Amino acid sequence: MADEQVLDVSQMEAPEPLVESIRALGALSSGQWLHLYHRMKPCKLYDYMEQHGYQSITCRGSEIACEVFIWRVSDNDAANAAQAIAATLPIWKDE
């Protein structure tokens, strides 16, 4: 069973959101995925994720502007769980 790890960086000032997000990703175990709450789309985080084997879905949040669901590429349980919750929110579309 997949395990959601929640990180709210929406009130942090740069560079704390990036630093804390990377720290949280490094701490993920098999079956765990990160549910990140942010006040904006975390553009600098996407390069890091691509280089280190993570996938994500970015959505418009219901209470916070941006919610990002992140899992390791090879972790199917975490991917399925994160994608199921992300499916309940609108996908982020750059305007």
C-alpha atoms as a PDB file:
ATOM      1  CA  MET A   1       0.000   0.000   0.000  1.00  0.00           C
ATOM      2  CA  ALA A   2       1.313   3.446  -0.962  1.00  0.00           C
ATOM      3  CA  ASP A   3       1.966   6.058   1.680  1.00  0.00           C
ATOM      4  CA  GLU A   4       1.398   9.789   1.162  1.00  0.00           C
ATOM      5  CA  GLN A   5       4.036  12.160   2.546  1.00  0.00           C
ATOM      6  CA  VAL A   6       2.724  15.738   2.803  1.00  0.00           C
ATOM      7  CA  LEU A   7       4.909  18.840   2.573  1.00  0.00           C
ATOM      8  CA  ASP A   8       3.459  22.350   2.684  1.00  0.00           C
ATOM      9  CA  VAL A   9       5.973  24.936   1.479  1.00  0.00           C
ATOM     10  CA  SER A  10       3.357  27.520   0.568  1.00  0.00           C
ATOM     11  CA  GLN A  11       4.414  29.998   3.271  1.00  0.00           C
ATOM     12  CA  MET A  12       8.190  29.596   2.853  1.00  0.00           C
ATOM     13  CA  GLU A  13      10.473  32.094   1.154  1.00  0.00           C
ATOM     14  CA  ALA A  14      12.927  31.057  -1.579  1.00  0.00           C
ATOM     15  CA  PRO A  15      15.054  28.979  -1.587  1.00  0.00           C
ATOM     16  CA  GLU A  16      13.413  27.048   1.283  1.00  0.00           C
ATOM     17  CA  PRO A  17      10.637  25.450  -0.818  1.00  0.00           C
ATOM     18  CA  LEU A  18      13.177  23.943  -3.222  1.00  0.00           C
ATOM     19  CA  VAL A  19      15.545  22.837  -0.455  1.00  0.00           C
ATOM     20  CA  GLU A  20      12.761  21.258   1.620  1.00  0.00           C
ATOM     21  CA  SER A  21      11.208  19.578  -1.428  1.00  0.00           C
ATOM     22  CA  ILE A  22      14.519  17.987  -2.424  1.00  0.00           C
ATOM     23  CA  ARG A  23      15.078  16.848   1.160  1.00  0.00           C
ATOM     24  CA  ALA A  24      11.613  15.275   1.279  1.00  0.00           C
ATOM     25  CA  LEU A  25      12.123  13.501  -2.056  1.00  0.00           C
ATOM     26  CA  GLY A  26      15.401  12.026  -0.826  1.00  0.00           C
ATOM     27  CA  ALA A  27      13.627  10.618   2.228  1.00  0.00           C
ATOM     28  CA  LEU A  28      10.952   8.743   0.238  1.00  0.00           C
ATOM     29  CA  SER A  29      10.957   4.979   0.730  1.00  0.00           C
ATOM     30  CA  SER A  30       9.462   2.392  -1.581  1.00  0.00           C
ATOM     31  CA  GLY A  31       5.708   2.907  -1.793  1.00  0.00           C
ATOM     32  CA  GLN A  32       5.868   6.516  -0.632  1.00  0.00           C
ATOM     33  CA  TRP A  33       5.011   9.588  -2.680  1.00  0.00           C
ATOM     34  CA  LEU A  34       5.154  13.298  -1.968  1.00  0.00           C
ATOM     35  CA  HIS A  35       2.096  15.563  -1.950  1.00  0.00           C
ATOM     36  CA  LEU A  36       3.575  19.046  -2.205  1.00  0.00           C
ATOM     37  CA  TYR A  37       1.568  22.194  -1.478  1.00  0.00           C
ATOM     38  CA  HIS A  38       3.048  25.335  -3.034  1.00  0.00           C
ATOM     39  CA  ARG A  39       1.858  28.881  -3.710  1.00  0.00           C
ATOM     40  CA  MET A  40       3.093  28.640  -7.320  1.00  0.00           C
ATOM     41  CA  LYS A  41       4.268  26.073  -9.847  1.00  0.00           C
ATOM     42  CA  PRO A  42       7.724  24.968  -8.581  1.00  0.00           C
ATOM     43  CA  CYS A  43       9.567  25.308 -11.894  1.00  0.00           C
ATOM     44  CA  LYS A  44      13.077  24.785 -10.503  1.00  0.00           C
ATOM     45  CA  LEU A  45      12.051  21.490  -8.933  1.00  0.00           C
ATOM     46  CA  TYR A  46      11.140  19.861 -12.266  1.00  0.00           C
ATOM     47  CA  ASP A  47      14.740  19.770 -13.558  1.00  0.00           C
ATOM     48  CA  TYR A  48      15.877  18.131 -10.331  1.00  0.00           C
ATOM     49  CA  MET A  49      13.101  15.529 -10.553  1.00  0.00           C
ATOM     50  CA  GLU A  50      13.922  14.674 -14.161  1.00  0.00           C
ATOM     51  CA  GLN A  51      17.624  14.239 -13.389  1.00  0.00           C
ATOM     52  CA  HIS A  52      16.978  12.082 -10.305  1.00  0.00           C
ATOM     53  CA  GLY A  53      14.266   9.708 -11.502  1.00  0.00           C
ATOM     54  CA  TYR A  54      10.995  11.226 -10.304  1.00  0.00           C
ATOM     55  CA  GLN A  55       7.713  11.771 -12.092  1.00  0.00           C
ATOM     56  CA  SER A  56       4.958  14.159 -11.153  1.00  0.00           C
ATOM     57  CA  ILE A  57       1.552  15.595 -11.847  1.00  0.00           C
ATOM     58  CA  THR A  58       0.909  19.271 -11.144  1.00  0.00           C
ATOM     59  CA  CYS A  59      -2.633  20.388 -10.334  1.00  0.00           C
ATOM     60  CA  ARG A  60      -4.508  23.525  -9.410  1.00  0.00           C
ATOM     61  CA  GLY A  61      -5.203  23.194  -5.716  1.00  0.00           C
ATOM     62  CA  SER A  62      -8.554  23.517  -4.067  1.00  0.00           C
ATOM     63  CA  GLU A  63      -7.237  25.558  -1.115  1.00  0.00           C
ATOM     64  CA  ILE A  64      -3.621  26.258  -2.079  1.00  0.00           C
ATOM     65  CA  ALA A  65      -2.697  27.469  -5.578  1.00  0.00           C
ATOM     66  CA  CYS A  66      -0.575  24.491  -6.607  1.00  0.00           C
ATOM     67  CA  GLU A  67      -0.455  20.840  -5.595  1.00  0.00           C
ATOM     68  CA  VAL A  68       2.268  18.562  -6.966  1.00  0.00           C
ATOM     69  CA  PHE A  69       2.158  14.774  -6.692  1.00  0.00           C
ATOM     70  CA  ILE A  70       5.637  13.215  -6.968  1.00  0.00           C
ATOM     71  CA  TRP A  71       6.883   9.609  -6.994  1.00  0.00           C
ATOM     72  CA  ARG A  72       9.924   7.608  -8.073  1.00  0.00           C
ATOM     73  CA  VAL A  73       9.715   6.483 -11.706  1.00  0.00           C
ATOM     74  CA  SER A  74       9.933   2.770 -10.842  1.00  0.00           C
ATOM     75  CA  ASP A  75       7.454   2.851  -7.936  1.00  0.00           C
ATOM     76  CA  ASN A  76       4.155   1.690  -9.421  1.00  0.00           C
ATOM     77  CA  ASP A  77       2.275   1.538  -6.102  1.00  0.00           C
ATOM     78  CA  ALA A  78       3.173   5.127  -5.279  1.00  0.00           C
ATOM     79  CA  ALA A  79       2.421   6.245  -8.847  1.00  0.00           C
ATOM     80  CA  ASN A  80      -1.038   4.669  -8.801  1.00  0.00           C
ATOM     81  CA  ALA A  81      -1.940   6.183  -5.432  1.00  0.00           C
ATOM     82  CA  ALA A  82      -0.662   9.667  -6.331  1.00  0.00           C
ATOM     83  CA  GLN A  83      -2.374   9.618  -9.723  1.00  0.00           C
ATOM     84  CA  ALA A  84      -5.689   8.580  -8.164  1.00  0.00           C
ATOM     85  CA  ILE A  85      -5.697  11.585  -5.839  1.00  0.00           C
ATOM     86  CA  ALA A  86      -4.371  13.969  -8.504  1.00  0.00           C
ATOM     87  CA  ALA A  87      -7.273  12.918 -10.743  1.00  0.00           C
ATOM     88  CA  THR A  88      -9.653  14.664  -8.337  1.00  0.00           C
ATOM     89  CA  LEU A  89      -8.103  18.092  -9.114  1.00  0.00           C
ATOM     90  CA  PRO A  90      -7.773  20.088 -12.333  1.00  0.00           C
ATOM     91  CA  ILE A  91      -4.421  19.652 -14.100  1.00  0.00           C
ATOM     92  CA  TRP A  92      -2.226  22.766 -14.052  1.00  0.00           C
ATOM     93  CA  LYS A  93      -2.260  24.470 -17.427  1.00  0.00           C
ATOM     94  CA  ASP A  94       0.147  27.287 -18.102  1.00  0.00           C
ATOM     95  CA  GLU A  95      -1.716  30.252 -19.475  1.00  0.00           C
END
